[in-house]
Protein backbone atom coordinates (compact mmCIF):
# COMPACT_ATOMS: atom_id res chain seq x y z
CA MET A 1 -32.56 -10.12 -8.10
CA SER A 2 -34.63 -10.41 -11.25
CA PRO A 3 -34.79 -13.96 -12.71
CA TYR A 4 -33.55 -12.44 -15.97
CA TYR A 5 -30.11 -12.04 -14.41
CA VAL A 6 -29.77 -15.51 -12.94
CA PRO A 7 -26.92 -17.21 -14.85
CA GLU A 8 -28.31 -19.64 -17.40
CA TYR A 9 -26.23 -22.70 -18.20
CA VAL A 10 -25.64 -23.14 -21.93
CA GLU A 11 -25.33 -26.75 -23.07
CA SER A 12 -23.94 -26.05 -26.54
CA THR A 13 -20.18 -26.53 -26.63
CA ALA A 14 -20.02 -23.88 -29.36
CA LEU A 15 -21.19 -21.28 -26.82
CA GLN A 16 -19.10 -22.32 -23.82
CA ASN A 17 -16.96 -19.15 -24.05
CA THR A 18 -18.27 -16.33 -26.18
CA THR A 19 -19.42 -12.73 -26.14
CA MET A 20 -22.47 -11.45 -27.99
CA GLU A 21 -24.56 -8.32 -27.70
CA GLY A 22 -26.61 -8.59 -24.54
CA PHE A 23 -24.65 -11.35 -22.82
CA VAL A 24 -21.37 -13.16 -22.31
CA VAL A 25 -20.96 -16.90 -21.87
CA VAL A 26 -18.18 -18.04 -19.55
CA ALA A 27 -17.63 -21.73 -18.83
CA GLY A 28 -21.16 -22.42 -19.98
CA GLU A 29 -22.83 -19.72 -17.85
CA ARG A 30 -24.79 -17.12 -19.79
CA LEU A 31 -24.46 -13.74 -18.03
CA ALA A 32 -26.62 -10.80 -19.11
CA THR A 33 -24.86 -7.51 -19.81
CA GLU A 34 -26.28 -3.99 -19.67
CA ALA A 35 -25.68 -0.88 -21.77
CA PHE A 36 -24.33 2.03 -19.72
CA HIS A 37 -24.59 5.50 -21.22
CA TYR A 38 -22.26 8.48 -20.88
CA GLU A 39 -22.38 11.96 -22.29
CA VAL A 40 -19.17 13.83 -23.00
CA ALA A 41 -19.58 17.43 -21.96
CA PRO A 42 -18.04 20.31 -23.95
CA GLU A 43 -15.00 21.95 -22.36
CA VAL A 44 -16.99 25.00 -21.21
CA ALA A 45 -20.77 24.75 -21.25
CA PRO A 46 -23.80 25.12 -18.99
CA GLU A 47 -25.38 21.99 -17.54
CA ASN A 48 -28.06 21.80 -20.25
CA ALA A 49 -25.70 22.29 -23.20
CA GLN A 50 -25.66 19.87 -26.11
CA PRO A 51 -23.15 17.10 -25.21
CA LEU A 52 -20.10 16.70 -27.40
CA ALA A 53 -20.89 12.99 -27.82
CA LEU A 54 -23.03 10.23 -26.38
CA LEU A 55 -21.23 6.96 -25.62
CA THR A 56 -22.71 3.54 -24.94
CA VAL A 57 -20.67 0.87 -23.18
CA GLU A 58 -21.83 -2.70 -22.68
CA ALA A 59 -20.67 -4.39 -19.47
CA LEU A 60 -21.66 -6.75 -16.69
CA PRO A 61 -23.31 -4.89 -13.80
CA ILE A 62 -20.91 -4.81 -10.85
CA ASP A 63 -23.36 -6.58 -8.57
CA ARG A 64 -23.79 -9.44 -11.07
CA MET A 65 -20.25 -10.35 -12.11
CA GLY A 66 -20.95 -14.08 -12.16
CA PRO A 67 -18.01 -16.53 -11.88
CA PRO A 68 -14.85 -15.42 -10.03
CA ASN A 69 -12.14 -13.32 -11.69
CA LEU A 70 -14.51 -11.49 -14.04
CA GLU A 71 -13.96 -8.09 -12.43
CA GLY A 72 -12.68 -6.71 -15.74
CA LEU A 73 -16.07 -7.16 -17.40
CA SER A 74 -17.66 -4.41 -15.29
CA LEU A 75 -17.35 -0.62 -15.24
CA TRP A 76 -15.54 0.63 -12.14
CA PRO A 77 -15.27 4.26 -10.93
CA GLY A 78 -11.53 4.41 -11.61
CA SER A 79 -11.93 4.27 -15.40
CA GLN A 80 -14.65 6.92 -15.22
CA VAL A 81 -12.40 9.21 -13.19
CA LEU A 82 -9.51 8.74 -15.61
CA GLY A 83 -11.82 9.22 -18.59
CA SER A 84 -13.03 12.50 -17.18
CA TYR A 85 -9.46 13.69 -16.66
CA LEU A 86 -8.52 12.75 -20.24
CA LEU A 87 -11.37 14.92 -21.54
CA SER A 88 -10.26 17.92 -19.48
CA LYS A 89 -7.97 20.60 -20.89
CA GLU A 90 -4.94 19.04 -19.16
CA GLY A 91 -5.84 15.53 -20.24
CA ARG A 92 -6.37 16.48 -23.87
CA ALA A 93 -2.99 18.24 -23.91
CA LEU A 94 -1.41 15.05 -22.59
CA VAL A 95 -2.77 12.67 -25.26
CA LYS A 96 -3.49 14.82 -28.33
CA ASP A 97 -1.59 13.50 -31.38
CA LYS A 98 0.09 10.91 -29.14
CA ASP A 99 0.40 7.12 -29.21
CA VAL A 100 -1.39 5.71 -26.17
CA VAL A 101 -1.64 2.23 -24.66
CA GLU A 102 -4.05 1.15 -21.93
CA LEU A 103 -2.88 -1.66 -19.67
CA GLY A 104 -5.91 -3.60 -18.43
CA CYS A 105 -8.64 -2.03 -20.57
CA GLY A 106 -11.55 -4.09 -19.27
CA VAL A 107 -14.61 -3.38 -21.41
CA GLY A 108 -12.88 -0.47 -23.14
CA LEU A 109 -14.56 2.70 -21.86
CA LEU A 110 -11.35 4.70 -22.34
CA GLY A 111 -10.98 3.70 -26.00
CA PRO A 112 -13.57 6.13 -27.44
CA VAL A 113 -12.66 8.68 -24.76
CA LEU A 114 -9.03 8.72 -25.92
CA LEU A 115 -10.05 9.13 -29.55
CA LEU A 116 -12.32 12.03 -28.58
CA ALA A 117 -9.41 13.57 -26.70
CA GLY A 118 -7.37 13.52 -29.92
CA ALA A 119 -5.03 10.55 -29.51
CA ARG A 120 -3.24 9.59 -32.73
CA SER A 121 -3.36 5.87 -31.98
CA VAL A 122 -4.89 3.82 -29.18
CA ILE A 123 -4.07 0.23 -28.23
CA LEU A 124 -6.31 -1.41 -25.64
CA THR A 125 -4.80 -4.44 -23.91
CA ASP A 126 -6.06 -7.03 -21.43
CA PHE A 127 -5.35 -10.65 -20.52
CA ASN A 128 -9.04 -11.63 -20.42
CA PRO A 129 -10.42 -12.63 -23.85
CA HIS A 130 -13.97 -11.72 -22.78
CA SER A 131 -12.83 -8.23 -21.84
CA LEU A 132 -11.13 -7.87 -25.20
CA MET A 133 -14.24 -8.98 -27.08
CA LEU A 134 -16.40 -6.51 -25.18
CA ALA A 135 -13.79 -3.76 -25.64
CA LYS A 136 -13.73 -4.35 -29.39
CA GLN A 137 -17.53 -4.30 -29.59
CA ASN A 138 -17.68 -1.11 -27.52
CA MET A 139 -15.05 0.60 -29.68
CA GLU A 140 -16.92 -0.30 -32.85
CA ARG A 141 -20.27 0.68 -31.31
CA ASN A 142 -19.00 4.21 -30.58
CA GLN A 143 -16.99 4.86 -33.75
CA SER A 144 -19.71 6.91 -35.47
CA ALA A 145 -20.38 9.08 -32.41
CA VAL A 146 -16.66 9.79 -32.00
CA ALA A 147 -16.10 10.50 -35.71
CA ASP A 148 -19.12 12.84 -35.85
CA ALA A 149 -17.99 14.77 -32.79
CA LEU A 150 -14.46 15.19 -34.15
CA SER A 151 -15.67 16.19 -37.62
CA ARG A 152 -17.58 19.13 -36.14
CA SER A 153 -14.25 20.63 -35.11
CA GLY A 154 -12.47 19.61 -38.32
CA GLU A 155 -10.47 16.79 -36.74
CA LYS A 156 -9.96 13.23 -37.90
CA MET A 157 -10.29 10.17 -35.71
CA GLY A 158 -7.12 8.32 -34.76
CA SER A 159 -6.58 4.60 -35.14
CA PHE A 160 -7.34 1.95 -32.55
CA SER A 161 -6.70 -1.73 -31.96
CA VAL A 162 -7.33 -4.34 -29.27
CA GLN A 163 -4.56 -6.70 -28.20
CA HIS A 164 -4.06 -9.55 -25.73
CA LEU A 165 -1.43 -8.87 -23.07
CA ASP A 166 -0.72 -10.72 -19.83
CA TRP A 167 1.69 -8.64 -17.73
CA CYS A 168 2.74 -11.64 -15.69
CA GLU A 169 3.91 -13.32 -18.91
CA TRP A 170 5.59 -10.20 -20.31
CA GLY A 171 8.16 -11.03 -22.98
CA SER A 172 6.74 -14.42 -23.89
CA GLU A 173 5.14 -15.05 -27.28
CA GLY A 174 1.93 -13.05 -27.61
CA ASN A 175 2.63 -11.03 -24.45
CA THR A 176 4.59 -8.02 -25.56
CA LEU A 177 4.01 -4.68 -27.27
CA ASP A 178 5.72 -3.42 -30.40
CA GLY A 179 6.98 0.12 -30.78
CA THR A 180 7.03 2.99 -28.30
CA PHE A 181 4.28 4.95 -26.58
CA ASP A 182 3.91 8.51 -25.40
CA VAL A 183 1.34 7.70 -22.72
CA ALA A 184 0.50 4.51 -20.80
CA LEU A 185 -2.72 4.24 -18.78
CA ALA A 186 -3.76 1.81 -16.05
CA SER A 187 -6.94 2.04 -13.99
CA ASP A 188 -7.85 0.14 -10.83
CA VAL A 189 -5.29 -2.64 -11.31
CA VAL A 190 -3.16 -2.63 -8.14
CA TYR A 191 -5.32 -4.76 -5.84
CA LYS A 192 -3.27 -7.98 -6.02
CA PRO A 193 0.50 -8.48 -5.47
CA GLU A 194 1.03 -10.52 -8.65
CA ILE A 195 -0.80 -7.89 -10.72
CA ARG A 196 1.31 -5.07 -9.27
CA GLN A 197 4.52 -6.98 -9.92
CA GLY A 198 3.54 -7.63 -13.52
CA LEU A 199 2.43 -4.03 -14.05
CA GLU A 200 5.74 -2.74 -12.70
CA THR A 201 7.63 -4.97 -15.14
CA VAL A 202 5.64 -3.64 -18.10
CA LEU A 203 5.92 0.02 -17.02
CA LEU A 204 9.68 -0.30 -16.67
CA ALA A 205 9.92 -1.94 -20.10
CA LEU A 206 7.82 0.75 -21.80
CA THR A 207 9.71 3.61 -20.16
CA ASP A 208 13.03 1.95 -20.97
CA ARG A 209 12.05 2.23 -24.63
CA ASN A 210 10.81 5.79 -24.25
CA PRO A 211 11.91 7.54 -21.03
CA SER A 212 9.55 10.41 -21.84
CA CYS A 213 6.51 8.13 -21.70
CA THR A 214 4.01 9.46 -19.14
CA VAL A 215 2.11 6.95 -17.01
CA MET A 216 -1.38 7.78 -15.71
CA LEU A 217 -2.46 5.50 -12.88
CA VAL A 218 -5.79 5.44 -11.05
CA ALA A 219 -5.53 3.49 -7.82
CA PRO A 220 -8.47 2.91 -5.49
CA PHE A 221 -6.65 1.32 -2.54
CA ARG A 222 -8.83 -1.57 -1.42
CA HIS A 223 -9.00 -3.71 1.69
CA SER A 224 -8.92 -7.44 1.17
CA ARG A 225 -8.09 -10.48 3.26
CA SER A 226 -4.83 -11.14 1.46
CA ASP A 227 -3.67 -7.64 0.62
CA ALA A 228 -4.56 -4.55 2.64
CA ILE A 229 -4.45 -0.90 1.68
CA GLY A 230 -1.02 -0.41 3.24
CA ALA A 231 0.62 -2.97 0.95
CA GLN A 232 -0.83 -1.26 -2.12
CA ARG A 233 0.35 2.16 -0.97
CA ASP A 234 3.78 0.80 -0.10
CA TRP A 235 4.11 -0.63 -3.61
CA LEU A 236 3.37 2.75 -5.17
CA GLY A 237 5.72 4.46 -2.74
CA GLY A 238 8.41 1.94 -3.67
CA LEU A 239 8.19 3.10 -7.29
CA SER A 240 8.94 6.68 -6.33
CA TRP A 241 12.37 8.27 -6.34
CA SER A 242 11.18 10.38 -3.38
CA ASN A 243 9.77 7.47 -1.42
CA PRO A 244 8.91 8.52 2.16
CA ASP A 245 9.63 6.19 5.02
CA PRO A 246 6.18 4.63 5.76
CA GLN A 247 6.57 4.76 9.56
CA THR A 248 7.71 8.40 9.46
CA GLU A 249 4.71 9.25 7.31
CA LYS A 250 2.38 7.48 9.76
CA ASP A 251 3.96 9.23 12.76
CA SER A 252 3.67 12.58 10.98
CA SER A 253 0.01 11.99 10.21
CA GLU A 254 -0.75 11.08 13.83
CA GLU A 255 1.11 14.17 15.02
CA GLN A 256 -0.96 16.29 12.66
CA LYS A 257 -4.20 14.83 14.05
CA ARG A 258 -3.12 15.47 17.66
CA SER A 259 -2.07 19.06 16.98
CA GLY A 260 -5.09 19.89 14.87
CA THR A 261 -2.90 21.66 12.32
CA GLY A 262 -2.93 21.28 8.56
CA SER A 263 0.86 20.92 8.27
CA ARG A 264 3.04 17.86 8.37
CA SER A 265 6.57 17.26 9.52
CA PRO A 266 9.16 17.02 6.74
CA ARG A 267 9.35 13.56 5.17
CA ARG A 268 12.51 11.54 5.75
CA ILE A 269 13.83 9.94 2.57
CA ASP A 270 15.35 6.47 2.70
CA ASP A 271 17.98 6.72 -0.05
CA SER A 272 18.32 2.93 -0.22
CA LYS A 273 14.72 2.58 -1.39
CA LEU A 274 14.51 5.16 -4.15
CA GLY A 275 12.40 3.97 -7.07
CA PRO A 276 12.59 4.59 -10.83
CA PHE A 277 9.70 7.06 -11.14
CA LYS A 278 8.64 10.46 -10.02
CA VAL A 279 5.14 9.85 -8.63
CA GLU A 280 2.87 12.88 -8.63
CA ALA A 281 -0.55 12.74 -6.94
CA LEU A 282 -2.99 14.82 -8.98
CA THR A 283 -6.31 14.47 -7.21
CA GLU A 284 -8.62 12.37 -5.11
CA CYS A 285 -11.96 11.76 -6.79
CA GLY A 286 -15.26 10.24 -5.83
CA PRO A 287 -16.98 9.63 -2.49
CA TRP A 288 -15.89 7.17 0.13
CA ASP A 289 -19.41 5.83 0.37
CA CYS A 290 -20.72 4.86 -3.05
CA CYS A 291 -22.53 1.64 -2.24
CA ASP A 292 -26.07 3.06 -2.53
CA VAL A 293 -27.52 1.38 -5.62
CA ASP A 294 -29.72 4.40 -6.35
CA GLY A 295 -27.21 7.03 -5.35
CA TYR A 296 -23.96 8.68 -6.23
CA THR A 297 -21.49 6.70 -8.39
CA GLY A 298 -18.30 8.68 -7.98
CA MET A 299 -18.82 11.14 -10.84
CA GLU A 300 -19.05 14.79 -9.86
CA SER A 301 -21.21 17.17 -11.89
CA TRP A 302 -18.23 19.18 -13.16
CA GLN A 303 -16.54 16.20 -14.72
CA HIS A 304 -16.41 15.86 -18.48
CA LEU A 305 -17.65 12.28 -18.61
CA ARG A 306 -21.16 12.26 -17.19
CA VAL A 307 -23.07 9.13 -16.24
CA CYS A 308 -26.49 9.01 -17.87
CA LYS A 309 -27.48 5.68 -16.34
CA LEU A 310 -26.29 5.02 -12.82
CA SER A 311 -24.32 1.85 -12.26
CA PRO A 312 -24.92 0.12 -8.92
CA LEU A 313 -21.73 -0.12 -6.89
CA TYR A 314 -21.90 -2.78 -4.21
CA GLY A 315 -19.34 -2.71 -1.46
CA CYS A 316 -17.75 0.49 -0.26
CA ASP A 317 -15.28 1.43 -2.97
CA PRO A 318 -12.39 3.62 -1.74
CA GLN A 319 -11.68 6.92 -3.41
CA PRO A 320 -9.84 6.54 -6.73
CA HIS A 321 -6.55 8.42 -6.51
CA LEU A 322 -5.13 9.78 -9.76
CA PHE A 323 -1.35 9.65 -10.15
CA ARG A 324 1.05 10.74 -12.88
CA LEU A 325 4.37 8.90 -13.12
CA TYR A 326 7.52 10.04 -14.93
CA ARG A 327 10.65 7.97 -15.38
CA GLN A 328 13.45 9.34 -13.23
CA GLY A 329 15.75 11.57 -15.27
CA ALA A 330 13.28 12.17 -18.13
CA CYS A 331 13.19 15.73 -19.41
CA ILE A 332 9.50 16.52 -18.96
CA VAL A 333 7.67 19.72 -18.14
CA PRO A 334 4.53 18.61 -16.24
CA ALA A 335 1.20 20.03 -17.38
CA LYS A 336 -0.42 22.50 -14.99
CA ASN A 337 -3.19 21.08 -12.83
């Protein structure tokens, strides 16, 4: 590791917790950030075509997150996968002229992406004040690029704001959202039980206000000592009105492997465990093995959000799965994949 990236302790009490261009200071530790660059590809264009826009996002490198619980200050593949979907034809149709909220925005990559996709208003939320400061800086940094790109097609840029929100304190002062939303986004936020419980509370509250609100969820299911992949999948299955019995699903999968066929036995539905949402799996994106610091980062060449500077991903990051959730009983015609 270069000495430049070794955390430097800052004595000044005025800088104990702050965010400035080039670094963040958390509990007195000065942590260097990097600028990561993305180009937004036109809808249909050859590889060497002029990009629609160039975006720059400042973040902590994943391999140098510093003190614990600063995961939200880095760029993870899930937000890149969701950003690419939002810039596709289907994604633009979902958010164009709509009011959108992101739950757990991190450093705010999806803010400029949503504005480019035509969102009418964008609210980025997070519980971490450092994430919010970086998100605000990144939104402001990319305003000109977004406005210029939209002006070329005669469109105006929507509004955006950054707001504190702790899901686990939902409903308390300073931890709620005003109004209704057409789309709610959440990326890579289901890796802890308390986070999932808080997220479920917020999603139910937002879809209570507007049953037609569409939820887009990217969920890389991760192993951890306290919470394995199965618990994360079970949580998502528990949200679904067509929740399969986990053991039946496992038995069916094993039967499929033994038979060598591509078909599965019909799923048995446990009517006592039906959830409030229709959960639709759209795609699986990214490689299973993305821990090579000089290699692939989970972005395929066809995707609309291209990485210009590769971000090192340490630790084998599972494939981000992209899901679309609808509130049970909502009158919605899903967009074609």
